[in-house]
Amino acid sequence: MISRISILILFLLPISASAWTTVSGQSIIKLPINRLVTMPTTRMMQTGLTEMEFRFEPEGILRFGGQFGVFQWLTVGLYYGGELLYFDYDKLTLKEPPGILIKYSLCDESKLGPAVTLGIDTQGWGSYDKKDKRYLFKAPGLYIAASKNVFCRCFGTVGMHGGINYNLLEKEDDGDPNLYLGLDRHLWKWFSFAVEYNLAVNDNENANYSTSGGYISARFRFQDRNGWSLEFLLIDLASNNNYTGKETRAIRFIFPLDFSYY
């Protein structure tokens, strides 16, 4: 019974976020994460480093793109994709607008304070409805995020994240600002886990999509020290989304490219 409780605590006290760091004389692994599950963290790309991403979601959805570190304090990204991408002999038809990412670092993490970033992310999750001009799970939009790593002798380094976001493009049915928070933790060098709670107060008025309890989501990540990772995502574990009525599953593959110019 004790061993089962210990394992449960390890999984419920999720994950950390940036490379080898020494805390209290102990070496710990801190691989950066750019999203908890669907919502952003404060992680910035190193100058000249690109991170490519492929996402496979229900209903034949494929999204791909990447982030690029322009400076240590500025990251930009672009994403394409959509439901049932149509490949013709002379063109590729995309059924949704491209996703744009711009992230600016306001301050770095310190011993006492969190890292804080200001950004905009227009890439949502799930199918895109052209009529309603929205994703199944809305994009973060304009946001300010904070992240702080806390070292605990019992459980290692735990990353704590939170933020407030306001979606400028998907506000026709609900234009309220929104809040989210989450935790992440590396269990081993090759495996990490994260949980996220998106309050979704900007999505509780549309009868077709709305949620009254927000979205609880989880991410399982298998990674190597070179930055390659394979993620399995479970979005809306409580099945609060009226459109699906159950959790949404997705797979994300990430790999880095180094275009350092300094």
C-alpha atoms as a PDB file:
ATOM      1  CA  MET A   1       0.000   0.000   0.000  1.00  0.00           C
ATOM      2  CA  ILE A   2       2.825   2.431   0.917  1.00  0.00           C
ATOM      3  CA  SER A   3       4.622   1.805  -2.363  1.00  0.00           C
ATOM      4  CA  ARG A   4       1.415   2.466  -4.327  1.00  0.00           C
ATOM      5  CA  ILE A   5       0.869   5.740  -2.501  1.00  0.00           C
ATOM      6  CA  SER A   6       4.477   6.777  -3.193  1.00  0.00           C
ATOM      7  CA  ILE A   7       4.066   6.116  -6.910  1.00  0.00           C
ATOM      8  CA  LEU A   8       0.792   8.067  -6.964  1.00  0.00           C
ATOM      9  CA  ILE A   9       2.447  11.044  -5.253  1.00  0.00           C
ATOM     10  CA  LEU A  10       5.250  11.012  -7.836  1.00  0.00           C
ATOM     11  CA  PHE A  11       2.709  11.273 -10.642  1.00  0.00           C
ATOM     12  CA  LEU A  12       0.519  13.840  -8.955  1.00  0.00           C
ATOM     13  CA  LEU A  13       3.419  16.153  -8.167  1.00  0.00           C
ATOM     14  CA  PRO A  14       4.403  16.789 -11.810  1.00  0.00           C
ATOM     15  CA  ILE A  15       7.510  18.317 -13.734  1.00  0.00           C
ATOM     16  CA  SER A  16      10.488  20.624 -14.266  1.00  0.00           C
ATOM     17  CA  ALA A  17      11.440  22.986 -17.055  1.00  0.00           C
ATOM     18  CA  SER A  18      15.700  24.056 -18.675  1.00  0.00           C
ATOM     19  CA  ALA A  19      19.563  21.476 -19.035  1.00  0.00           C
ATOM     20  CA  TRP A  20      21.723  20.197 -16.238  1.00  0.00           C
ATOM     21  CA  THR A  21      21.520  22.396 -13.128  1.00  0.00           C
ATOM     22  CA  THR A  22      22.942  21.953  -9.650  1.00  0.00           C
ATOM     23  CA  VAL A  23      20.729  22.629  -6.642  1.00  0.00           C
ATOM     24  CA  SER A  24      22.040  22.087  -3.088  1.00  0.00           C
ATOM     25  CA  GLY A  25      24.996  20.172  -4.507  1.00  0.00           C
ATOM     26  CA  GLN A  26      22.810  17.757  -6.466  1.00  0.00           C
ATOM     27  CA  SER A  27      22.630  17.449 -10.253  1.00  0.00           C
ATOM     28  CA  ILE A  28      19.104  17.474 -11.616  1.00  0.00           C
ATOM     29  CA  ILE A  29      17.784  17.314 -15.171  1.00  0.00           C
ATOM     30  CA  LYS A  30      15.705  20.258 -16.322  1.00  0.00           C
ATOM     31  CA  LEU A  31      14.667  19.940 -19.945  1.00  0.00           C
ATOM     32  CA  PRO A  32      12.636  22.955 -21.125  1.00  0.00           C
ATOM     33  CA  ILE A  33       8.981  22.652 -22.062  1.00  0.00           C
ATOM     34  CA  ASN A  34       7.257  25.221 -24.275  1.00  0.00           C
ATOM     35  CA  ARG A  35       3.749  24.092 -23.266  1.00  0.00           C
ATOM     36  CA  LEU A  36       2.293  22.423 -20.230  1.00  0.00           C
ATOM     37  CA  VAL A  37      -0.241  20.548 -22.371  1.00  0.00           C
ATOM     38  CA  THR A  38      -2.055  23.075 -24.530  1.00  0.00           C
ATOM     39  CA  MET A  39      -1.162  26.312 -22.721  1.00  0.00           C
ATOM     40  CA  PRO A  40       2.193  28.151 -22.877  1.00  0.00           C
ATOM     41  CA  THR A  41       5.017  28.344 -20.346  1.00  0.00           C
ATOM     42  CA  THR A  42       7.796  30.958 -20.146  1.00  0.00           C
ATOM     43  CA  ARG A  43      10.346  28.785 -21.964  1.00  0.00           C
ATOM     44  CA  MET A  44      12.350  30.771 -24.547  1.00  0.00           C
ATOM     45  CA  MET A  45      14.303  29.308 -27.468  1.00  0.00           C
ATOM     46  CA  GLN A  46      18.062  29.863 -27.443  1.00  0.00           C
ATOM     47  CA  THR A  47      19.376  32.245 -30.098  1.00  0.00           C
ATOM     48  CA  GLY A  48      19.651  30.458 -33.436  1.00  0.00           C
ATOM     49  CA  LEU A  49      17.897  27.297 -32.224  1.00  0.00           C
ATOM     50  CA  THR A  50      14.803  25.999 -34.017  1.00  0.00           C
ATOM     51  CA  GLU A  51      12.340  23.465 -32.608  1.00  0.00           C
ATOM     52  CA  MET A  52      10.195  21.647 -35.169  1.00  0.00           C
ATOM     53  CA  GLU A  53       6.870  20.116 -34.175  1.00  0.00           C
ATOM     54  CA  PHE A  54       4.343  17.669 -35.662  1.00  0.00           C
ATOM     55  CA  ARG A  55       0.961  17.150 -34.013  1.00  0.00           C
ATOM     56  CA  PHE A  56      -1.522  14.379 -34.800  1.00  0.00           C
ATOM     57  CA  GLU A  57      -5.040  15.016 -33.503  1.00  0.00           C
ATOM     58  CA  PRO A  58      -8.489  13.338 -33.945  1.00  0.00           C
ATOM     59  CA  GLU A  59     -10.485  13.590 -37.195  1.00  0.00           C
ATOM     60  CA  GLY A  60      -7.402  13.318 -39.389  1.00  0.00           C
ATOM     61  CA  ILE A  61      -5.858  16.570 -38.165  1.00  0.00           C
ATOM     62  CA  LEU A  62      -2.155  17.166 -38.790  1.00  0.00           C
ATOM     63  CA  ARG A  63      -0.415  20.355 -37.691  1.00  0.00           C
ATOM     64  CA  PHE A  64       3.239  21.166 -38.165  1.00  0.00           C
ATOM     65  CA  GLY A  65       5.533  24.108 -37.687  1.00  0.00           C
ATOM     66  CA  GLY A  66       8.292  25.394 -35.500  1.00  0.00           C
ATOM     67  CA  GLN A  67       9.702  28.001 -33.148  1.00  0.00           C
ATOM     68  CA  PHE A  68      12.897  29.989 -33.709  1.00  0.00           C
ATOM     69  CA  GLY A  69      15.043  31.865 -31.215  1.00  0.00           C
ATOM     70  CA  VAL A  70      15.698  35.279 -32.763  1.00  0.00           C
ATOM     71  CA  PHE A  71      17.313  36.547 -29.554  1.00  0.00           C
ATOM     72  CA  GLN A  72      17.512  35.192 -26.023  1.00  0.00           C
ATOM     73  CA  TRP A  73      14.521  37.390 -25.205  1.00  0.00           C
ATOM     74  CA  LEU A  74      12.469  36.879 -28.396  1.00  0.00           C
ATOM     75  CA  THR A  75      10.989  33.680 -29.860  1.00  0.00           C
ATOM     76  CA  VAL A  76       8.803  33.509 -32.972  1.00  0.00           C
ATOM     77  CA  GLY A  77       6.918  30.605 -34.520  1.00  0.00           C
ATOM     78  CA  LEU A  78       4.626  29.638 -37.371  1.00  0.00           C
ATOM     79  CA  TYR A  79       2.282  26.627 -37.657  1.00  0.00           C
ATOM     80  CA  TYR A  80       0.234  25.180 -40.509  1.00  0.00           C
ATOM     81  CA  GLY A  81      -2.199  22.327 -40.748  1.00  0.00           C
ATOM     82  CA  GLY A  82      -5.794  21.334 -40.481  1.00  0.00           C
ATOM     83  CA  GLU A  83      -8.385  18.603 -40.743  1.00  0.00           C
ATOM     84  CA  LEU A  84      -7.908  16.154 -43.614  1.00  0.00           C
ATOM     85  CA  LEU A  85      -5.172  18.036 -45.437  1.00  0.00           C
ATOM     86  CA  TYR A  86      -5.819  17.857 -49.167  1.00  0.00           C
ATOM     87  CA  PHE A  87      -2.801  17.131 -51.377  1.00  0.00           C
ATOM     88  CA  ASP A  88      -3.396  17.898 -55.063  1.00  0.00           C
ATOM     89  CA  TYR A  89      -0.917  17.582 -57.952  1.00  0.00           C
ATOM     90  CA  ASP A  90      -0.028  21.257 -57.783  1.00  0.00           C
ATOM     91  CA  LYS A  91      -1.128  22.519 -54.378  1.00  0.00           C
ATOM     92  CA  LEU A  92      -1.664  21.791 -50.702  1.00  0.00           C
ATOM     93  CA  THR A  93      -5.043  22.941 -49.360  1.00  0.00           C
ATOM     94  CA  LEU A  94      -5.154  24.080 -45.743  1.00  0.00           C
ATOM     95  CA  LYS A  95      -8.578  24.374 -44.131  1.00  0.00           C
ATOM     96  CA  GLU A  96      -7.698  26.807 -41.367  1.00  0.00           C
ATOM     97  CA  PRO A  97      -5.614  29.971 -40.849  1.00  0.00           C
ATOM     98  CA  PRO A  98      -1.934  29.521 -39.922  1.00  0.00           C
ATOM     99  CA  GLY A  99      -0.978  29.760 -36.268  1.00  0.00           C
ATOM    100  CA  ILE A 100       1.396  32.524 -35.206  1.00  0.00           C
ATOM    101  CA  LEU A 101       3.590  32.576 -32.108  1.00  0.00           C
ATOM    102  CA  ILE A 102       5.484  35.588 -30.714  1.00  0.00           C
ATOM    103  CA  LYS A 103       7.007  35.404 -27.234  1.00  0.00           C
ATOM    104  CA  TYR A 104       8.915  38.143 -25.381  1.00  0.00           C
ATOM    105  CA  SER A 105      10.779  37.553 -22.115  1.00  0.00           C
ATOM    106  CA  LEU A 106      10.023  40.186 -19.481  1.00  0.00           C
ATOM    107  CA  CYS A 107      12.342  38.713 -16.844  1.00  0.00           C
ATOM    108  CA  ASP A 108      14.293  35.525 -16.135  1.00  0.00           C
ATOM    109  CA  GLU A 109      13.709  33.190 -13.234  1.00  0.00           C
ATOM    110  CA  SER A 110      15.597  34.046 -10.030  1.00  0.00           C
ATOM    111  CA  LYS A 111      15.940  32.395  -6.637  1.00  0.00           C
ATOM    112  CA  LEU A 112      12.966  34.347  -5.329  1.00  0.00           C
ATOM    113  CA  GLY A 113      10.925  35.205  -8.406  1.00  0.00           C
ATOM    114  CA  PRO A 114       9.482  33.416 -11.441  1.00  0.00           C
ATOM    115  CA  ALA A 115      10.295  33.888 -15.101  1.00  0.00           C
ATOM    116  CA  VAL A 116       7.664  36.029 -16.832  1.00  0.00           C
ATOM    117  CA  THR A 117       6.892  36.247 -20.549  1.00  0.00           C
ATOM    118  CA  LEU A 118       4.414  38.159 -22.679  1.00  0.00           C
ATOM    119  CA  GLY A 119       3.256  36.509 -25.877  1.00  0.00           C
ATOM    120  CA  ILE A 120       0.621  35.713 -28.454  1.00  0.00           C
ATOM    121  CA  ASP A 121      -0.260  32.225 -29.690  1.00  0.00           C
ATOM    122  CA  THR A 122      -3.098  31.836 -32.227  1.00  0.00           C
ATOM    123  CA  GLN A 123      -2.836  28.044 -32.725  1.00  0.00           C
ATOM    124  CA  GLY A 124      -5.731  26.149 -31.147  1.00  0.00           C
ATOM    125  CA  TRP A 125      -6.404  22.435 -30.712  1.00  0.00           C
ATOM    126  CA  GLY A 126      -8.944  20.136 -32.338  1.00  0.00           C
ATOM    127  CA  SER A 127     -11.022  20.861 -35.437  1.00  0.00           C
ATOM    128  CA  TYR A 128     -11.462  24.402 -36.752  1.00  0.00           C
ATOM    129  CA  ASP A 129     -15.020  25.589 -37.431  1.00  0.00           C
ATOM    130  CA  LYS A 130     -15.006  28.188 -40.237  1.00  0.00           C
ATOM    131  CA  LYS A 131     -18.572  29.241 -39.483  1.00  0.00           C
ATOM    132  CA  ASP A 132     -17.941  29.936 -35.812  1.00  0.00           C
ATOM    133  CA  LYS A 133     -14.337  31.011 -36.507  1.00  0.00           C
ATOM    134  CA  ARG A 134     -12.918  28.991 -33.646  1.00  0.00           C
ATOM    135  CA  TYR A 135     -11.062  25.818 -32.689  1.00  0.00           C
ATOM    136  CA  LEU A 136     -12.577  23.031 -30.649  1.00  0.00           C
ATOM    137  CA  PHE A 137     -10.214  24.111 -27.861  1.00  0.00           C
ATOM    138  CA  LYS A 138      -9.474  27.795 -28.229  1.00  0.00           C
ATOM    139  CA  ALA A 139      -5.949  29.098 -28.774  1.00  0.00           C
ATOM    140  CA  PRO A 140      -4.324  30.984 -25.884  1.00  0.00           C
ATOM    141  CA  GLY A 141      -4.298  34.253 -27.841  1.00  0.00           C
ATOM    142  CA  LEU A 142      -2.586  37.125 -26.042  1.00  0.00           C
ATOM    143  CA  TYR A 143      -1.119  35.938 -22.736  1.00  0.00           C
ATOM    144  CA  ILE A 144       1.236  36.636 -19.875  1.00  0.00           C
ATOM    145  CA  ALA A 145       2.793  33.560 -18.257  1.00  0.00           C
ATOM    146  CA  ALA A 146       4.913  32.881 -15.174  1.00  0.00           C
ATOM    147  CA  SER A 147       7.050  29.811 -14.363  1.00  0.00           C
ATOM    148  CA  LYS A 148       9.041  28.874 -11.274  1.00  0.00           C
ATOM    149  CA  ASN A 149      11.099  25.762 -10.462  1.00  0.00           C
ATOM    150  CA  VAL A 150      11.052  24.632  -6.847  1.00  0.00           C
ATOM    151  CA  PHE A 151      13.462  22.030  -5.464  1.00  0.00           C
ATOM    152  CA  CYS A 152      12.166  19.519  -2.920  1.00  0.00           C
ATOM    153  CA  ARG A 153      14.496  16.922  -1.377  1.00  0.00           C
ATOM    154  CA  CYS A 154      11.711  14.341  -1.401  1.00  0.00           C
ATOM    155  CA  PHE A 155      10.451  14.775  -4.972  1.00  0.00           C
ATOM    156  CA  GLY A 156      13.177  16.656  -6.841  1.00  0.00           C
ATOM    157  CA  THR A 157      12.489  19.759  -8.917  1.00  0.00           C
ATOM    158  CA  VAL A 158       8.875  20.664  -9.564  1.00  0.00           C
ATOM    159  CA  GLY A 159       7.975  23.256 -12.193  1.00  0.00           C
ATOM    160  CA  MET A 160       4.999  25.480 -11.387  1.00  0.00           C
ATOM    161  CA  HIS A 161       3.324  27.435 -14.189  1.00  0.00           C
ATOM    162  CA  GLY A 162       0.384  29.761 -14.600  1.00  0.00           C
ATOM    163  CA  GLY A 163      -0.937  32.578 -16.701  1.00  0.00           C
ATOM    164  CA  ILE A 164      -3.759  34.769 -17.876  1.00  0.00           C
ATOM    165  CA  ASN A 165      -4.788  34.895 -21.533  1.00  0.00           C
ATOM    166  CA  TYR A 166      -7.228  36.749 -23.756  1.00  0.00           C
ATOM    167  CA  ASN A 167      -8.189  35.465 -27.196  1.00  0.00           C
ATOM    168  CA  LEU A 168      -8.558  38.312 -29.686  1.00  0.00           C
ATOM    169  CA  LEU A 169      -9.631  36.135 -32.637  1.00  0.00           C
ATOM    170  CA  GLU A 170     -12.031  33.604 -31.077  1.00  0.00           C
ATOM    171  CA  LYS A 171     -14.165  35.884 -28.931  1.00  0.00           C
ATOM    172  CA  GLU A 172     -17.442  36.018 -30.871  1.00  0.00           C
ATOM    173  CA  ASP A 173     -19.193  33.555 -28.541  1.00  0.00           C
ATOM    174  CA  ASP A 174     -17.320  34.449 -25.341  1.00  0.00           C
ATOM    175  CA  GLY A 175     -14.829  37.280 -24.958  1.00  0.00           C
ATOM    176  CA  ASP A 176     -13.859  36.904 -21.308  1.00  0.00           C
ATOM    177  CA  PRO A 177     -10.219  36.728 -20.180  1.00  0.00           C
ATOM    178  CA  ASN A 178      -9.061  33.311 -19.000  1.00  0.00           C
ATOM    179  CA  LEU A 179      -6.760  31.718 -16.416  1.00  0.00           C
ATOM    180  CA  TYR A 180      -4.694  28.526 -16.392  1.00  0.00           C
ATOM    181  CA  LEU A 181      -2.181  26.792 -14.131  1.00  0.00           C
ATOM    182  CA  GLY A 182      -0.230  23.561 -13.969  1.00  0.00           C
ATOM    183  CA  LEU A 183       2.715  21.524 -12.737  1.00  0.00           C
ATOM    184  CA  ASP A 184       5.460  19.503 -14.389  1.00  0.00           C
ATOM    185  CA  ARG A 185       8.114  17.083 -13.168  1.00  0.00           C
ATOM    186  CA  HIS A 186      10.825  14.850 -14.616  1.00  0.00           C
ATOM    187  CA  LEU A 187      10.579  11.364 -13.148  1.00  0.00           C
ATOM    188  CA  TRP A 188      13.616   9.984 -14.993  1.00  0.00           C
ATOM    189  CA  LYS A 189      16.127  11.297 -17.526  1.00  0.00           C
ATOM    190  CA  TRP A 190      13.947  10.013 -20.364  1.00  0.00           C
ATOM    191  CA  PHE A 191      10.434  10.561 -19.021  1.00  0.00           C
ATOM    192  CA  SER A 192       8.418  13.521 -17.745  1.00  0.00           C
ATOM    193  CA  PHE A 193       4.816  14.223 -16.906  1.00  0.00           C
ATOM    194  CA  ALA A 194       2.661  17.359 -16.697  1.00  0.00           C
ATOM    195  CA  VAL A 195      -0.852  18.300 -15.653  1.00  0.00           C
ATOM    196  CA  GLU A 196      -2.743  21.441 -16.624  1.00  0.00           C
ATOM    197  CA  TYR A 197      -5.973  23.058 -15.516  1.00  0.00           C
ATOM    198  CA  ASN A 198      -7.449  25.506 -18.009  1.00  0.00           C
ATOM    199  CA  LEU A 199     -10.356  27.292 -16.332  1.00  0.00           C
ATOM    200  CA  ALA A 200     -11.836  28.026 -19.796  1.00  0.00           C
ATOM    201  CA  VAL A 201     -13.919  30.945 -18.531  1.00  0.00           C
ATOM    202  CA  ASN A 202     -13.634  32.302 -22.073  1.00  0.00           C
ATOM    203  CA  ASP A 203     -15.546  29.283 -23.370  1.00  0.00           C
ATOM    204  CA  ASN A 204     -18.583  28.737 -21.146  1.00  0.00           C
ATOM    205  CA  GLU A 205     -21.338  30.496 -23.107  1.00  0.00           C
ATOM    206  CA  ASN A 206     -21.535  28.558 -26.396  1.00  0.00           C
ATOM    207  CA  ALA A 207     -23.983  25.650 -26.071  1.00  0.00           C
ATOM    208  CA  ASN A 208     -22.178  23.620 -28.755  1.00  0.00           C
ATOM    209  CA  TYR A 209     -18.711  23.805 -27.255  1.00  0.00           C
ATOM    210  CA  SER A 210     -18.910  25.278 -23.786  1.00  0.00           C
ATOM    211  CA  THR A 211     -17.627  23.838 -20.542  1.00  0.00           C
ATOM    212  CA  SER A 212     -18.759  24.642 -17.024  1.00  0.00           C
ATOM    213  CA  GLY A 213     -15.801  23.104 -15.212  1.00  0.00           C
ATOM    214  CA  GLY A 214     -12.809  23.917 -17.367  1.00  0.00           C
ATOM    215  CA  TYR A 215     -10.350  21.444 -18.869  1.00  0.00           C
ATOM    216  CA  ILE A 216      -8.025  19.155 -16.937  1.00  0.00           C
ATOM    217  CA  SER A 217      -5.323  17.756 -19.233  1.00  0.00           C
ATOM    218  CA  ALA A 218      -2.177  15.635 -18.928  1.00  0.00           C
ATOM    219  CA  ARG A 219       0.964  15.069 -20.958  1.00  0.00           C
ATOM    220  CA  PHE A 220       3.404  12.127 -20.981  1.00  0.00           C
ATOM    221  CA  ARG A 221       6.768  12.903 -22.563  1.00  0.00           C
ATOM    222  CA  PHE A 222       9.538  10.537 -23.655  1.00  0.00           C
ATOM    223  CA  GLN A 223      12.737  12.443 -24.438  1.00  0.00           C
ATOM    224  CA  ASP A 224      16.474  12.109 -24.967  1.00  0.00           C
ATOM    225  CA  ARG A 225      19.201  14.554 -23.967  1.00  0.00           C
ATOM    226  CA  ASN A 226      19.527  15.899 -27.517  1.00  0.00           C
ATOM    227  CA  GLY A 227      16.069  17.455 -27.384  1.00  0.00           C
ATOM    228  CA  TRP A 228      14.055  14.870 -29.354  1.00  0.00           C
ATOM    229  CA  SER A 229      10.777  14.017 -27.690  1.00  0.00           C
ATOM    230  CA  LEU A 230       7.555  12.097 -28.244  1.00  0.00           C
ATOM    231  CA  GLU A 231       4.497  13.241 -26.313  1.00  0.00           C
ATOM    232  CA  PHE A 232       1.125  11.653 -25.628  1.00  0.00           C
ATOM    233  CA  LEU A 233      -1.548  14.173 -24.640  1.00  0.00           C
ATOM    234  CA  LEU A 234      -4.916  13.673 -22.964  1.00  0.00           C
ATOM    235  CA  ILE A 235      -7.003  16.847 -23.209  1.00  0.00           C
ATOM    236  CA  ASP A 236     -10.168  17.376 -21.131  1.00  0.00           C
ATOM    237  CA  LEU A 237      -9.891  14.298 -18.912  1.00  0.00           C
ATOM    238  CA  ALA A 238     -13.164  15.193 -17.167  1.00  0.00           C
ATOM    239  CA  SER A 239     -15.032  15.233 -20.526  1.00  0.00           C
ATOM    240  CA  ASN A 240     -16.428  18.725 -19.952  1.00  0.00           C
ATOM    241  CA  ASN A 241     -16.457  19.769 -23.607  1.00  0.00           C
ATOM    242  CA  ASN A 242     -20.040  19.565 -24.932  1.00  0.00           C
ATOM    243  CA  TYR A 243     -18.914  18.865 -28.499  1.00  0.00           C
ATOM    244  CA  THR A 244     -16.867  15.725 -27.828  1.00  0.00           C
ATOM    245  CA  GLY A 245     -18.306  14.440 -24.543  1.00  0.00           C
ATOM    246  CA  LYS A 246     -15.012  12.639 -23.826  1.00  0.00           C
ATOM    247  CA  GLU A 247     -11.290  13.286 -23.596  1.00  0.00           C
ATOM    248  CA  THR A 248      -9.332  14.238 -26.706  1.00  0.00           C
ATOM    249  CA  ARG A 249      -6.116  12.354 -27.449  1.00  0.00           C
ATOM    250  CA  ALA A 250      -3.180  13.693 -29.433  1.00  0.00           C
ATOM    251  CA  ILE A 251       0.425  12.829 -30.272  1.00  0.00           C
ATOM    252  CA  ARG A 252       3.201  15.396 -30.641  1.00  0.00           C
ATOM    253  CA  PHE A 253       6.708  14.821 -32.014  1.00  0.00           C
ATOM    254  CA  ILE A 254       9.386  17.474 -31.424  1.00  0.00           C
ATOM    255  CA  PHE A 255      12.954  17.706 -32.677  1.00  0.00           C
ATOM    256  CA  PRO A 256      15.525  20.537 -32.580  1.00  0.00           C
ATOM    257  CA  LEU A 257      17.558  22.132 -35.376  1.00  0.00           C
ATOM    258  CA  ASP A 258      20.556  24.349 -34.585  1.00  0.00           C
ATOM    259  CA  PHE A 259      20.985  27.382 -36.866  1.00  0.00           C
ATOM    260  CA  SER A 260      23.196  29.355 -34.500  1.00  0.00           C
ATOM    261  CA  TYR A 261      24.641  32.425 -36.149  1.00  0.00           C
ATOM    262  CA  TYR A 262      26.748  33.834 -33.346  1.00  0.00           C
END
